[in-house]
């Protein structure tokens, strides 16, 4: 039997693949919502979808989570078709199952009953070759909230600019 070090040495490009895999952030979610809580979830994907995600181009901006029959589903996420794929490519906007523990699903469902809360993906990344999503329990921002955030960001930029001088 090979030790862990020998196995790692046998496949040096595996470590490179994981390092080169992009992390996709949903910047729009942080602009449109107040994030109250977050958690990590797996996602059920096909092989060509994973390859397409590694290439980038995934859109999380319109995605949100819903519950159906005791399961969590991610709707509205666009994964472009894999260029080298053929018949194995699937619909780019299909609903995708979120992999969560039953207790997490029950907890999130109870929080969703509260008015104005939704579940949005904040970030997609690879962990040990698996695609993971960081989900956020969020409340929509009003227009004035967005203006306040923009003003705060501008002030912080000005302070940083003066600090560099």
N, C-alpha and C. Protein backbone atom coordinates (compact mmCIF):
# COMPACT_ATOMS: atom_id res chain seq x y z
N UNK A 1 0.83 -1.20 0.00
CA UNK A 1 0.00 0.00 0.00
C UNK A 1 0.86 1.24 0.00
N UNK A 2 0.38 2.24 -0.75
CA UNK A 2 1.11 3.50 -0.83
C UNK A 2 0.68 4.43 0.29
N UNK A 3 1.63 5.21 0.77
CA UNK A 3 1.29 6.21 1.78
C UNK A 3 0.66 7.42 1.09
N UNK A 4 0.12 8.31 1.89
CA UNK A 4 -0.50 9.52 1.34
C UNK A 4 0.50 10.33 0.53
N UNK A 5 1.71 10.46 1.02
CA UNK A 5 2.72 11.25 0.33
C UNK A 5 3.05 10.64 -1.02
N UNK A 6 3.13 9.32 -1.09
CA UNK A 6 3.42 8.66 -2.36
C UNK A 6 2.29 8.86 -3.35
N UNK A 7 1.05 8.79 -2.86
CA UNK A 7 -0.10 9.01 -3.75
C UNK A 7 -0.12 10.44 -4.27
N UNK A 8 0.19 11.41 -3.40
CA UNK A 8 0.23 12.80 -3.83
C UNK A 8 1.33 13.01 -4.85
N UNK A 9 2.45 12.38 -4.63
CA UNK A 9 3.57 12.52 -5.56
C UNK A 9 3.24 11.89 -6.90
N UNK A 10 2.40 10.84 -6.89
CA UNK A 10 2.04 10.17 -8.14
C UNK A 10 1.13 11.03 -9.02
N UNK A 11 0.38 11.94 -8.42
CA UNK A 11 -0.56 12.79 -9.17
C UNK A 11 -0.34 14.26 -8.84
N UNK A 12 0.76 14.86 -9.29
CA UNK A 12 1.00 16.26 -8.95
C UNK A 12 0.02 17.22 -9.63
N UNK A 13 -0.53 16.81 -10.79
CA UNK A 13 -1.45 17.72 -11.48
C UNK A 13 -2.81 17.79 -10.78
N UNK A 14 -3.13 16.86 -9.87
CA UNK A 14 -4.38 16.94 -9.11
C UNK A 14 -4.37 18.18 -8.22
N UNK A 15 -3.23 18.45 -7.58
CA UNK A 15 -3.13 19.63 -6.72
C UNK A 15 -3.23 20.90 -7.55
N UNK A 16 -2.64 20.88 -8.75
CA UNK A 16 -2.72 22.05 -9.64
C UNK A 16 -4.16 22.31 -10.07
N UNK A 17 -4.91 21.23 -10.38
CA UNK A 17 -6.30 21.39 -10.80
C UNK A 17 -7.11 22.09 -9.72
N UNK A 18 -6.94 21.64 -8.49
CA UNK A 18 -7.70 22.23 -7.38
C UNK A 18 -7.31 23.69 -7.18
N UNK A 19 -6.03 24.00 -7.36
CA UNK A 19 -5.57 25.37 -7.17
C UNK A 19 -6.06 26.27 -8.31
N UNK A 20 -6.18 25.73 -9.53
CA UNK A 20 -6.61 26.52 -10.67
C UNK A 20 -8.12 26.68 -10.76
N UNK A 21 -8.87 25.88 -10.00
CA UNK A 21 -10.33 25.95 -10.07
C UNK A 21 -10.80 27.30 -9.56
N UNK A 22 -11.65 27.98 -10.31
CA UNK A 22 -12.08 29.31 -9.91
C UNK A 22 -13.12 29.27 -8.80
N UNK A 23 -13.12 30.31 -7.99
CA UNK A 23 -14.19 30.51 -7.02
C UNK A 23 -15.09 31.57 -7.62
N UNK A 24 -16.37 31.28 -7.74
CA UNK A 24 -17.31 32.20 -8.36
C UNK A 24 -18.09 32.90 -7.26
N UNK A 25 -17.99 34.22 -7.20
CA UNK A 25 -18.70 35.01 -6.20
C UNK A 25 -19.96 35.61 -6.81
N UNK A 26 -20.98 35.69 -5.98
CA UNK A 26 -22.22 36.33 -6.39
C UNK A 26 -22.24 37.73 -5.78
N UNK A 27 -21.59 38.66 -6.46
CA UNK A 27 -21.47 40.02 -5.94
C UNK A 27 -22.83 40.71 -5.88
N UNK A 28 -23.70 40.35 -6.79
CA UNK A 28 -25.02 40.97 -6.83
C UNK A 28 -25.82 40.65 -5.57
N UNK A 29 -25.66 39.44 -5.03
CA UNK A 29 -26.39 39.06 -3.83
C UNK A 29 -26.03 39.96 -2.66
N UNK A 30 -24.77 40.29 -2.52
CA UNK A 30 -24.35 41.15 -1.40
C UNK A 30 -24.84 42.58 -1.60
N UNK A 31 -25.08 42.98 -2.84
CA UNK A 31 -25.60 44.32 -3.12
C UNK A 31 -27.11 44.37 -2.92
N UNK A 32 -27.82 43.31 -3.28
CA UNK A 32 -29.28 43.29 -3.25
C UNK A 32 -29.87 42.85 -1.90
N UNK A 33 -29.08 42.15 -1.07
CA UNK A 33 -29.61 41.55 0.15
C UNK A 33 -28.73 41.84 1.37
N UNK A 34 -29.38 41.84 2.55
CA UNK A 34 -28.67 41.79 3.83
C UNK A 34 -28.50 40.31 4.13
N UNK A 35 -27.28 39.85 4.30
CA UNK A 35 -27.01 38.43 4.57
C UNK A 35 -27.08 38.23 6.08
N UNK A 36 -28.03 37.42 6.54
CA UNK A 36 -28.23 37.20 7.97
C UNK A 36 -27.45 36.01 8.49
N UNK A 37 -27.32 34.97 7.66
CA UNK A 37 -26.66 33.74 8.07
C UNK A 37 -26.15 33.04 6.82
N UNK A 38 -25.14 32.19 6.96
CA UNK A 38 -24.66 31.45 5.79
C UNK A 38 -24.29 30.02 6.20
N UNK A 39 -24.30 29.13 5.21
CA UNK A 39 -23.91 27.75 5.44
C UNK A 39 -23.40 27.16 4.14
N UNK A 40 -22.66 26.06 4.26
CA UNK A 40 -22.08 25.39 3.10
C UNK A 40 -22.96 24.22 2.70
N UNK A 41 -23.15 24.06 1.39
CA UNK A 41 -23.95 22.95 0.86
C UNK A 41 -23.26 22.36 -0.35
N UNK A 42 -23.47 21.08 -0.55
CA UNK A 42 -23.02 20.43 -1.77
C UNK A 42 -24.08 20.63 -2.84
N UNK A 43 -23.76 20.27 -4.06
CA UNK A 43 -24.71 20.41 -5.15
C UNK A 43 -24.55 19.21 -6.08
N UNK A 44 -25.68 18.65 -6.53
CA UNK A 44 -25.66 17.49 -7.42
C UNK A 44 -25.51 17.96 -8.85
N UNK A 45 -24.40 17.58 -9.50
CA UNK A 45 -24.10 18.00 -10.86
C UNK A 45 -23.71 16.80 -11.71
N UNK A 46 -23.79 16.98 -13.02
CA UNK A 46 -23.29 15.96 -13.94
C UNK A 46 -21.81 16.24 -14.22
N UNK A 47 -21.12 15.30 -14.83
CA UNK A 47 -19.69 15.44 -15.11
C UNK A 47 -19.37 16.61 -16.02
N UNK A 48 -20.18 16.81 -17.07
CA UNK A 48 -19.90 17.92 -17.98
C UNK A 48 -20.17 19.26 -17.32
N UNK A 49 -21.10 19.30 -16.37
CA UNK A 49 -21.35 20.55 -15.64
C UNK A 49 -20.16 20.93 -14.78
N UNK A 50 -19.54 19.94 -14.14
CA UNK A 50 -18.36 20.20 -13.30
C UNK A 50 -17.22 20.72 -14.18
N UNK A 51 -17.02 20.12 -15.35
CA UNK A 51 -15.96 20.58 -16.25
C UNK A 51 -16.25 21.99 -16.72
N UNK A 52 -17.49 22.30 -16.99
CA UNK A 52 -17.87 23.64 -17.42
C UNK A 52 -17.65 24.66 -16.30
N UNK A 53 -17.94 24.27 -15.07
CA UNK A 53 -17.72 25.17 -13.92
C UNK A 53 -16.23 25.44 -13.76
N UNK A 54 -15.40 24.43 -13.96
CA UNK A 54 -13.95 24.63 -13.87
C UNK A 54 -13.46 25.65 -14.90
N UNK A 55 -14.12 25.69 -16.06
CA UNK A 55 -13.74 26.65 -17.10
C UNK A 55 -14.25 28.05 -16.79
N UNK A 56 -15.22 28.18 -15.88
CA UNK A 56 -15.77 29.48 -15.52
C UNK A 56 -17.01 29.78 -16.36
N UNK A 57 -17.53 30.98 -16.21
CA UNK A 57 -18.69 31.39 -16.96
C UNK A 57 -20.01 31.06 -16.30
N UNK A 58 -19.99 30.55 -15.07
CA UNK A 58 -21.21 30.22 -14.35
C UNK A 58 -21.85 31.51 -13.84
N UNK A 59 -23.16 31.59 -13.90
CA UNK A 59 -23.87 32.77 -13.42
C UNK A 59 -24.73 32.41 -12.21
N UNK A 60 -24.43 33.02 -11.07
CA UNK A 60 -25.19 32.82 -9.85
C UNK A 60 -26.12 33.99 -9.56
N UNK A 61 -26.07 35.03 -10.39
CA UNK A 61 -26.77 36.28 -10.06
C UNK A 61 -28.28 36.14 -9.96
N UNK A 62 -28.89 35.25 -10.71
CA UNK A 62 -30.35 35.08 -10.68
C UNK A 62 -30.78 33.87 -9.87
N UNK A 63 -29.85 33.20 -9.22
CA UNK A 63 -30.15 31.93 -8.55
C UNK A 63 -30.75 32.15 -7.16
N UNK A 64 -31.57 31.19 -6.76
CA UNK A 64 -32.18 31.17 -5.43
C UNK A 64 -32.56 29.74 -5.10
N UNK A 65 -32.82 29.47 -3.83
CA UNK A 65 -33.15 28.11 -3.39
C UNK A 65 -34.63 28.02 -3.02
N UNK A 66 -35.22 26.88 -3.29
CA UNK A 66 -36.61 26.58 -2.94
C UNK A 66 -36.66 25.16 -2.37
N UNK A 67 -37.73 24.86 -1.64
CA UNK A 67 -37.91 23.55 -1.03
C UNK A 67 -39.11 22.87 -1.67
N UNK A 68 -38.92 21.59 -2.01
CA UNK A 68 -39.99 20.81 -2.61
C UNK A 68 -39.85 19.36 -2.12
N UNK A 69 -40.90 18.82 -1.56
CA UNK A 69 -40.93 17.43 -1.09
C UNK A 69 -39.80 17.11 -0.11
N UNK A 70 -39.50 18.04 0.78
CA UNK A 70 -38.46 17.81 1.78
C UNK A 70 -37.04 17.88 1.25
N UNK A 71 -36.87 18.41 0.03
CA UNK A 71 -35.54 18.56 -0.56
C UNK A 71 -35.31 20.01 -0.93
N UNK A 72 -34.05 20.42 -0.94
CA UNK A 72 -33.68 21.78 -1.32
C UNK A 72 -33.21 21.76 -2.78
N UNK A 73 -33.68 22.74 -3.56
CA UNK A 73 -33.34 22.83 -4.98
C UNK A 73 -32.83 24.23 -5.28
N UNK A 74 -31.82 24.32 -6.11
CA UNK A 74 -31.29 25.60 -6.56
C UNK A 74 -31.86 25.88 -7.95
N UNK A 75 -32.54 27.00 -8.08
CA UNK A 75 -33.16 27.38 -9.34
C UNK A 75 -32.48 28.63 -9.89
N UNK A 76 -32.44 28.77 -11.19
CA UNK A 76 -31.95 29.99 -11.81
C UNK A 76 -30.45 30.08 -12.01
N UNK A 77 -29.70 29.06 -11.64
CA UNK A 77 -28.25 29.08 -11.87
C UNK A 77 -27.97 28.65 -13.30
N UNK A 78 -27.16 29.42 -14.01
CA UNK A 78 -26.84 29.09 -15.40
C UNK A 78 -25.43 28.52 -15.48
N UNK A 79 -25.32 27.28 -15.95
CA UNK A 79 -24.03 26.64 -16.20
C UNK A 79 -23.95 26.43 -17.71
N UNK A 80 -23.06 27.15 -18.39
CA UNK A 80 -23.00 27.01 -19.85
C UNK A 80 -22.64 25.59 -20.26
N UNK A 81 -23.11 25.13 -21.42
CA UNK A 81 -22.78 23.77 -21.87
C UNK A 81 -21.27 23.61 -22.06
N UNK A 82 -20.77 22.44 -21.73
CA UNK A 82 -19.35 22.13 -21.89
C UNK A 82 -19.05 22.02 -23.38
N UNK A 83 -18.05 22.75 -23.84
CA UNK A 83 -17.75 22.83 -25.28
C UNK A 83 -17.39 21.48 -25.89
N UNK A 84 -16.64 20.64 -25.15
CA UNK A 84 -16.24 19.35 -25.69
C UNK A 84 -17.28 18.26 -25.42
N UNK A 85 -18.35 18.61 -24.68
CA UNK A 85 -19.39 17.63 -24.39
C UNK A 85 -20.29 17.46 -25.60
N UNK A 86 -21.03 16.37 -25.64
CA UNK A 86 -21.93 16.14 -26.77
C UNK A 86 -23.32 15.83 -26.22
N UNK A 87 -23.74 14.59 -26.30
CA UNK A 87 -25.06 14.20 -25.82
C UNK A 87 -25.15 14.29 -24.31
N UNK A 88 -24.01 14.32 -23.62
CA UNK A 88 -24.03 14.33 -22.16
C UNK A 88 -24.28 15.72 -21.57
N UNK A 89 -24.30 16.77 -22.41
CA UNK A 89 -24.64 18.10 -21.90
C UNK A 89 -26.12 18.13 -21.52
N UNK A 90 -26.42 18.86 -20.46
CA UNK A 90 -27.80 18.97 -19.98
C UNK A 90 -28.27 20.42 -20.11
N UNK A 91 -29.54 20.66 -19.80
CA UNK A 91 -30.10 22.00 -19.87
C UNK A 91 -29.31 22.94 -18.96
N UNK A 92 -28.85 24.08 -19.48
CA UNK A 92 -28.02 24.99 -18.67
C UNK A 92 -28.74 25.60 -17.48
N UNK A 93 -30.08 25.70 -17.52
CA UNK A 93 -30.82 26.35 -16.44
C UNK A 93 -31.67 25.37 -15.62
N UNK A 94 -31.35 24.09 -15.67
CA UNK A 94 -32.16 23.10 -14.97
C UNK A 94 -32.05 23.28 -13.45
N UNK A 95 -33.09 22.87 -12.70
CA UNK A 95 -32.99 22.90 -11.23
C UNK A 95 -31.95 21.88 -10.77
N UNK A 96 -31.17 22.26 -9.77
CA UNK A 96 -30.13 21.37 -9.25
C UNK A 96 -30.36 21.12 -7.77
N UNK A 97 -30.22 19.88 -7.38
CA UNK A 97 -30.48 19.50 -5.99
C UNK A 97 -29.34 19.94 -5.09
N UNK A 98 -29.69 20.54 -3.95
CA UNK A 98 -28.70 20.92 -2.95
C UNK A 98 -28.56 19.79 -1.95
N UNK A 99 -27.35 19.49 -1.59
CA UNK A 99 -27.06 18.38 -0.68
C UNK A 99 -26.86 18.93 0.73
N UNK A 100 -27.90 18.81 1.53
CA UNK A 100 -27.90 19.30 2.91
C UNK A 100 -28.40 18.19 3.83
N UNK A 101 -28.06 18.30 5.11
CA UNK A 101 -28.59 17.38 6.11
C UNK A 101 -30.07 17.71 6.34
N UNK A 102 -30.81 16.73 6.76
CA UNK A 102 -32.25 16.89 6.99
C UNK A 102 -32.52 18.01 8.01
N UNK A 103 -31.70 18.06 9.06
CA UNK A 103 -31.89 19.10 10.08
C UNK A 103 -31.69 20.49 9.49
N UNK A 104 -30.71 20.61 8.60
CA UNK A 104 -30.46 21.91 7.96
C UNK A 104 -31.64 22.31 7.08
N UNK A 105 -32.20 21.35 6.36
CA UNK A 105 -33.34 21.64 5.50
C UNK A 105 -34.53 22.10 6.33
N UNK A 106 -34.81 21.40 7.43
CA UNK A 106 -35.94 21.76 8.30
C UNK A 106 -35.72 23.15 8.88
N UNK A 107 -34.50 23.43 9.33
CA UNK A 107 -34.18 24.75 9.89
C UNK A 107 -34.38 25.85 8.85
N UNK A 108 -33.87 25.63 7.64
CA UNK A 108 -34.01 26.64 6.59
C UNK A 108 -35.46 26.82 6.17
N UNK A 109 -36.23 25.74 6.12
CA UNK A 109 -37.65 25.85 5.76
C UNK A 109 -38.40 26.68 6.79
N UNK A 110 -38.09 26.49 8.06
CA UNK A 110 -38.78 27.26 9.10
C UNK A 110 -38.40 28.74 9.02
N UNK A 111 -37.16 29.03 8.67
CA UNK A 111 -36.74 30.43 8.54
C UNK A 111 -37.33 31.08 7.30
N UNK A 112 -37.59 30.28 6.25
CA UNK A 112 -38.15 30.81 5.02
C UNK A 112 -39.60 31.27 5.21
N UNK A 113 -40.28 30.71 6.21
CA UNK A 113 -41.67 31.10 6.47
C UNK A 113 -41.76 32.54 6.98
N UNK A 114 -40.66 33.05 7.52
CA UNK A 114 -40.62 34.43 7.97
C UNK A 114 -40.69 35.34 6.74
N UNK A 115 -41.48 36.37 6.83
CA UNK A 115 -41.72 37.23 5.67
C UNK A 115 -40.44 37.95 5.24
N UNK A 116 -40.20 37.94 3.94
CA UNK A 116 -39.09 38.70 3.37
C UNK A 116 -37.75 37.97 3.31
N UNK A 117 -37.68 36.73 3.79
CA UNK A 117 -36.41 36.01 3.77
C UNK A 117 -36.33 35.11 2.54
N UNK A 118 -35.14 34.96 2.01
CA UNK A 118 -34.90 34.06 0.90
C UNK A 118 -33.52 33.44 1.06
N UNK A 119 -33.24 32.43 0.28
CA UNK A 119 -31.93 31.77 0.32
C UNK A 119 -31.27 31.96 -1.02
N UNK A 120 -30.09 32.58 -1.00
CA UNK A 120 -29.36 32.88 -2.24
C UNK A 120 -27.95 32.30 -2.15
N UNK A 121 -27.40 31.86 -3.28
CA UNK A 121 -26.01 31.40 -3.28
C UNK A 121 -25.08 32.61 -3.24
N UNK A 122 -24.08 32.56 -2.38
CA UNK A 122 -23.13 33.66 -2.26
C UNK A 122 -21.83 33.37 -3.00
N UNK A 123 -21.44 32.10 -3.01
CA UNK A 123 -20.14 31.74 -3.56
C UNK A 123 -20.16 30.27 -3.97
N UNK A 124 -19.45 29.96 -5.05
CA UNK A 124 -19.29 28.58 -5.49
C UNK A 124 -17.79 28.32 -5.58
N UNK A 125 -17.35 27.19 -5.03
CA UNK A 125 -15.92 26.89 -5.00
C UNK A 125 -15.72 25.38 -4.96
N UNK A 126 -14.49 24.96 -5.15
CA UNK A 126 -14.12 23.55 -5.10
C UNK A 126 -13.42 23.25 -3.78
N UNK A 127 -13.82 22.14 -3.15
CA UNK A 127 -13.16 21.65 -1.95
C UNK A 127 -12.89 20.18 -2.16
N UNK A 128 -11.61 19.80 -2.22
CA UNK A 128 -11.20 18.41 -2.44
C UNK A 128 -11.91 17.79 -3.64
N UNK A 129 -12.00 18.56 -4.72
CA UNK A 129 -12.58 18.06 -5.96
C UNK A 129 -14.09 18.10 -6.02
N UNK A 130 -14.75 18.53 -4.96
CA UNK A 130 -16.21 18.62 -4.93
C UNK A 130 -16.63 20.09 -5.05
N UNK A 131 -17.74 20.31 -5.77
CA UNK A 131 -18.27 21.67 -5.90
C UNK A 131 -19.12 21.96 -4.67
N UNK A 132 -18.85 23.08 -4.03
CA UNK A 132 -19.59 23.49 -2.84
C UNK A 132 -20.19 24.88 -3.09
N UNK A 133 -21.31 25.14 -2.44
CA UNK A 133 -21.97 26.43 -2.50
C UNK A 133 -22.04 27.00 -1.11
N UNK A 134 -21.77 28.29 -0.99
CA UNK A 134 -22.03 28.98 0.26
C UNK A 134 -23.38 29.65 0.09
N UNK A 135 -24.37 29.20 0.87
CA UNK A 135 -25.72 29.74 0.80
C UNK A 135 -25.90 30.77 1.89
N UNK A 136 -26.67 31.80 1.60
CA UNK A 136 -26.96 32.82 2.58
C UNK A 136 -28.45 32.98 2.79
N UNK A 137 -28.86 33.06 4.06
CA UNK A 137 -30.24 33.42 4.37
C UNK A 137 -30.26 34.93 4.34
N UNK A 138 -31.10 35.49 3.47
CA UNK A 138 -30.99 36.93 3.19
C UNK A 138 -32.35 37.62 3.24
N UNK A 139 -32.30 38.91 3.51
CA UNK A 139 -33.47 39.78 3.47
C UNK A 139 -33.18 40.87 2.45
N UNK A 140 -34.11 41.13 1.57
CA UNK A 140 -33.92 42.12 0.51
C UNK A 140 -33.68 43.51 1.05
N UNK A 141 -32.79 44.25 0.39
CA UNK A 141 -32.51 45.63 0.77
C UNK A 141 -33.47 46.57 0.07
N UNK A 142 -33.76 47.66 0.71
CA UNK A 142 -34.54 48.73 0.10
C UNK A 142 -33.57 49.64 -0.64
N UNK A 143 -34.11 50.54 -1.44
CA UNK A 143 -33.28 51.44 -2.24
C UNK A 143 -32.36 52.29 -1.37
N UNK A 144 -32.87 52.80 -0.25
CA UNK A 144 -32.03 53.65 0.60
C UNK A 144 -30.91 52.85 1.26
N UNK A 145 -31.15 51.56 1.54
CA UNK A 145 -30.08 50.72 2.09
C UNK A 145 -28.93 50.62 1.10
N UNK A 146 -29.26 50.45 -0.18
CA UNK A 146 -28.23 50.34 -1.21
C UNK A 146 -27.44 51.64 -1.31
N UNK A 147 -28.15 52.76 -1.22
CA UNK A 147 -27.47 54.06 -1.28
C UNK A 147 -26.53 54.24 -0.10
N UNK A 148 -26.96 53.81 1.09
CA UNK A 148 -26.10 53.90 2.28
C UNK A 148 -24.83 53.08 2.09
N UNK A 149 -24.97 51.86 1.56
CA UNK A 149 -23.82 50.99 1.34
C UNK A 149 -22.84 51.63 0.36
N UNK A 150 -23.36 52.22 -0.71
CA UNK A 150 -22.50 52.86 -1.70
C UNK A 150 -21.76 54.03 -1.06
N UNK A 151 -22.46 54.83 -0.24
CA UNK A 151 -21.83 55.98 0.43
C UNK A 151 -20.74 55.50 1.39
N UNK A 152 -20.99 54.43 2.15
CA UNK A 152 -19.98 53.89 3.07
C UNK A 152 -18.75 53.41 2.31
N UNK A 153 -18.98 52.74 1.20
CA UNK A 153 -17.87 52.25 0.38
C UNK A 153 -17.02 53.40 -0.14
N UNK A 154 -17.67 54.49 -0.58
CA UNK A 154 -16.94 55.66 -1.07
C UNK A 154 -16.11 56.29 0.03
N UNK A 155 -16.67 56.40 1.23
CA UNK A 155 -15.94 56.98 2.36
C UNK A 155 -14.72 56.12 2.70
N UNK A 156 -14.90 54.79 2.72
CA UNK A 156 -13.79 53.89 3.02
C UNK A 156 -12.69 54.00 1.97
N UNK A 157 -13.07 54.16 0.71
CA UNK A 157 -12.10 54.33 -0.36
C UNK A 157 -11.30 55.61 -0.17
N UNK A 158 -11.99 56.68 0.19
CA UNK A 158 -11.30 57.97 0.42
C UNK A 158 -10.32 57.88 1.58
N UNK A 159 -10.73 57.24 2.66
CA UNK A 159 -9.85 57.07 3.83
C UNK A 159 -8.62 56.25 3.44
N UNK A 160 -8.82 55.17 2.70
CA UNK A 160 -7.70 54.35 2.26
C UNK A 160 -6.77 55.14 1.34
N UNK A 161 -7.33 55.97 0.48
CA UNK A 161 -6.53 56.78 -0.43
C UNK A 161 -5.65 57.76 0.35
N UNK A 162 -6.25 58.40 1.36
CA UNK A 162 -5.48 59.35 2.17
C UNK A 162 -4.43 58.64 3.04
N UNK A 163 -4.74 57.45 3.48
CA UNK A 163 -3.80 56.70 4.32
C UNK A 163 -2.56 56.29 3.52
N UNK A 164 -2.73 56.05 2.22
CA UNK A 164 -1.59 55.67 1.39
C UNK A 164 -0.64 56.84 1.14
N UNK A 165 -1.13 58.05 1.21
CA UNK A 165 -0.29 59.23 0.93
C UNK A 165 0.62 59.58 2.05
